[in-house]
C-alpha atoms as a PDB file:
ATOM      1  CA  MET A   1      41.599 153.415  76.902  1.00  0.00           C
ATOM      2  CA  ALA A   2      39.497 155.778  75.182  1.00  0.00           C
ATOM      3  CA  GLY A   3      40.261 153.170  72.020  1.00  0.00           C
ATOM      4  CA  ILE A   4      39.108 150.325  73.979  1.00  0.00           C
ATOM      5  CA  PHE A   5      36.083 151.692  75.462  1.00  0.00           C
ATOM      6  CA  LEU A   6      34.660 153.641  72.457  1.00  0.00           C
ATOM      7  CA  LYS A   7      36.135 151.114  69.921  1.00  0.00           C
ATOM      8  CA  LYS A   8      32.130 150.738  68.556  1.00  0.00           C
ATOM      9  CA  GLU A   9      31.672 154.531  68.193  1.00  0.00           C
ATOM     10  CA  PHE A  10      35.286 155.087  66.464  1.00  0.00           C
ATOM     11  CA  GLU A  11      34.307 152.845  64.280  1.00  0.00           C
ATOM     12  CA  ALA A  12      30.685 153.379  63.514  1.00  0.00           C
ATOM     13  CA  PRO A  13      30.609 154.599  59.895  1.00  0.00           C
ATOM     14  CA  TYR A  14      29.188 158.302  59.094  1.00  0.00           C
ATOM     15  CA  LYS A  15      26.284 158.814  57.132  1.00  0.00           C
ATOM     16  CA  ASP A  16      26.155 161.059  54.053  1.00  0.00           C
ATOM     17  CA  PHE A  17      29.785 161.945  54.868  1.00  0.00           C
ATOM     18  CA  PRO A  18      31.124 165.321  52.718  1.00  0.00           C
ATOM     19  CA  THR A  19      33.286 163.954  50.108  1.00  0.00           C
ATOM     20  CA  LYS A  20      37.180 165.503  50.989  1.00  0.00           C
ATOM     21  CA  ALA A  21      36.405 165.854  54.558  1.00  0.00           C
ATOM     22  CA  GLY A  22      38.307 164.547  57.264  1.00  0.00           C
ATOM     23  CA  SER A  23      36.922 163.688  60.686  1.00  0.00           C
ATOM     24  CA  ILE A  24      38.802 164.226  64.088  1.00  0.00           C
ATOM     25  CA  GLU A  25      37.480 161.894  66.654  1.00  0.00           C
ATOM     26  CA  PHE A  26      39.073 162.042  69.636  1.00  0.00           C
ATOM     27  CA  VAL A  27      41.249 165.210  71.030  1.00  0.00           C
ATOM     28  CA  GLY A  28      42.870 164.829  74.811  1.00  0.00           C
ATOM     29  CA  THR A  29      45.886 166.386  75.965  1.00  0.00           C
ATOM     30  CA  ALA A  30      47.592 165.269  79.646  1.00  0.00           C
ATOM     31  CA  SER A  31      46.889 167.664  82.170  1.00  0.00           C
ATOM     32  CA  GLU A  32      50.598 169.007  82.500  1.00  0.00           C
ATOM     33  CA  PHE A  33      50.179 170.222  79.031  1.00  0.00           C
ATOM     34  CA  ARG A  34      46.600 171.565  78.732  1.00  0.00           C
ATOM     35  CA  GLY A  35      46.721 175.132  78.013  1.00  0.00           C
ATOM     36  CA  LYS A  36      50.059 175.127  76.350  1.00  0.00           C
ATOM     37  CA  GLY A  37      48.936 174.927  72.867  1.00  0.00           C
ATOM     38  CA  VAL A  38      49.522 171.408  72.130  1.00  0.00           C
ATOM     39  CA  ALA A  39      46.355 170.705  70.805  1.00  0.00           C
ATOM     40  CA  SER A  40      46.022 173.827  68.858  1.00  0.00           C
ATOM     41  CA  GLN A  41      49.381 172.794  67.228  1.00  0.00           C
ATOM     42  CA  MET A  42      47.844 169.168  66.399  1.00  0.00           C
ATOM     43  CA  ILE A  43      44.966 170.318  64.997  1.00  0.00           C
ATOM     44  CA  GLN A  44      46.577 172.904  62.795  1.00  0.00           C
ATOM     45  CA  HIS A  45      49.253 170.232  61.719  1.00  0.00           C
ATOM     46  CA  ILE A  46      46.530 168.042  61.030  1.00  0.00           C
ATOM     47  CA  ILE A  47      44.846 170.673  59.045  1.00  0.00           C
ATOM     48  CA  GLN A  48      47.806 171.749  57.082  1.00  0.00           C
ATOM     49  CA  ASN A  49      48.994 168.529  56.399  1.00  0.00           C
ATOM     50  CA  THR A  50      46.205 166.278  55.114  1.00  0.00           C
ATOM     51  CA  PRO A  51      44.456 166.266  51.716  1.00  0.00           C
ATOM     52  CA  TYR A  52      40.701 167.693  52.786  1.00  0.00           C
ATOM     53  CA  HIS A  53      39.178 170.943  52.610  1.00  0.00           C
ATOM     54  CA  HIS A  54      36.500 170.242  55.183  1.00  0.00           C
ATOM     55  CA  TYR A  55      37.267 168.376  58.975  1.00  0.00           C
ATOM     56  CA  LEU A  56      34.434 167.639  61.087  1.00  0.00           C
ATOM     57  CA  ILE A  57      34.303 167.053  64.801  1.00  0.00           C
ATOM     58  CA  GLU A  58      30.950 165.033  66.120  1.00  0.00           C
ATOM     59  CA  GLU A  59      29.699 165.479  69.759  1.00  0.00           C
ATOM     60  CA  VAL A  60      31.596 168.109  71.595  1.00  0.00           C
ATOM     61  CA  ALA A  61      29.934 168.280  74.961  1.00  0.00           C
ATOM     62  CA  ASP A  62      28.320 171.892  75.450  1.00  0.00           C
ATOM     63  CA  THR A  63      29.717 171.976  78.637  1.00  0.00           C
ATOM     64  CA  ASN A  64      33.580 171.381  77.185  1.00  0.00           C
ATOM     65  CA  ILE A  65      34.015 175.147  77.643  1.00  0.00           C
ATOM     66  CA  PRO A  66      37.867 174.874  77.058  1.00  0.00           C
ATOM     67  CA  ALA A  67      37.906 172.494  74.020  1.00  0.00           C
ATOM     68  CA  MET A  68      34.618 174.632  72.535  1.00  0.00           C
ATOM     69  CA  ARG A  69      37.231 177.793  73.013  1.00  0.00           C
ATOM     70  CA  LEU A  70      39.854 176.066  70.923  1.00  0.00           C
ATOM     71  CA  TYR A  71      37.770 175.019  68.031  1.00  0.00           C
ATOM     72  CA  GLU A  72      36.273 178.557  67.674  1.00  0.00           C
ATOM     73  CA  LYS A  73      39.984 180.031  67.781  1.00  0.00           C
ATOM     74  CA  LEU A  74      41.087 177.560  64.861  1.00  0.00           C
ATOM     75  CA  GLY A  75      38.085 178.325  62.918  1.00  0.00           C
ATOM     76  CA  PHE A  76      35.467 175.875  63.667  1.00  0.00           C
ATOM     77  CA  LYS A  77      31.479 176.574  63.752  1.00  0.00           C
ATOM     78  CA  GLU A  78      28.843 174.726  65.227  1.00  0.00           C
ATOM     79  CA  TYR A  79      26.590 173.268  62.395  1.00  0.00           C
ATOM     80  CA  LYS A  80      24.102 170.686  64.601  1.00  0.00           C
ATOM     81  CA  ARG A  81      23.268 170.762  67.929  1.00  0.00           C
ATOM     82  CA  LYS A  82      21.989 167.341  69.560  1.00  0.00           C
ATOM     83  CA  PRO A  83      20.084 167.253  72.948  1.00  0.00           C
ATOM     84  CA  ILE A  84      20.660 164.599  75.569  1.00  0.00           C
ATOM     85  CA  PRO A  85      17.592 163.042  76.838  1.00  0.00           C
ATOM     86  CA  GLU A  86      16.729 164.678  80.320  1.00  0.00           C
ATOM     87  CA  LYS A  87      17.234 161.587  82.551  1.00  0.00           C
ATOM     88  CA  ILE A  88      20.927 161.182  81.075  1.00  0.00           C
ATOM     89  CA  ALA A  89      21.796 165.309  81.133  1.00  0.00           C
ATOM     90  CA  LYS A  90      20.840 165.580  85.250  1.00  0.00           C
ATOM     91  CA  LYS A  91      23.143 162.906  85.473  1.00  0.00           C
ATOM     92  CA  ASN A  92      26.315 163.680  83.779  1.00  0.00           C
ATOM     93  CA  GLY A  93      25.402 167.504  83.490  1.00  0.00           C
ATOM     94  CA  ILE A  94      25.700 167.872  79.358  1.00  0.00           C
ATOM     95  CA  ASN A  95      22.767 169.405  77.562  1.00  0.00           C
ATOM     96  CA  ASN A  96      23.809 169.000  74.055  1.00  0.00           C
ATOM     97  CA  LEU A  97      26.391 167.433  71.827  1.00  0.00           C
ATOM     98  CA  LEU A  98      27.695 169.489  69.410  1.00  0.00           C
ATOM     99  CA  SER A  99      28.779 169.163  65.802  1.00  0.00           C
ATOM    100  CA  ILE A 100      31.188 171.707  64.565  1.00  0.00           C
ATOM    101  CA  ARG A 101      33.126 172.005  61.425  1.00  0.00           C
ATOM    102  CA  TYR A 102      36.101 173.694  59.640  1.00  0.00           C
ATOM    103  CA  GLU A 103      36.226 174.842  56.141  1.00  0.00           C
ATOM    104  CA  GLU A 104      39.466 175.709  54.175  1.00  0.00           C
ATOM    105  CA  LYS A 105      39.093 179.151  53.499  1.00  0.00           C
END
C-alpha cells in the first residue's frame, strides 16, 4: 500500500545525491515480528551485500523512537533536520523529519 500511496515521493530524484551511496526508502515490519531483530537483519544485509559506501534514510519522524533506536544501533547518525509546519505538527504530532546516514568504517 505504501508503494501506491507514496509512489510520487519514492520516485522523486534526489538533488546532489552522493556518489557510491544507497538510499533506504521505507522500512516496515509486520507487528508480530517487531522487536525480534528482523529490521536490523534486513538493513545489515543491505549494508553488507551492496556496493555502496554510504546509506541515507530521509525523513524519519522524530517521534518514531523505535526506528531511531534501531538506526542508531546500526551506526546511522542524524545529519539534517527538517521542521514540520506548526499547523501540521499539531495535527500529526511530528515536530521534525530527520535525515540520517550510515558511513562505512
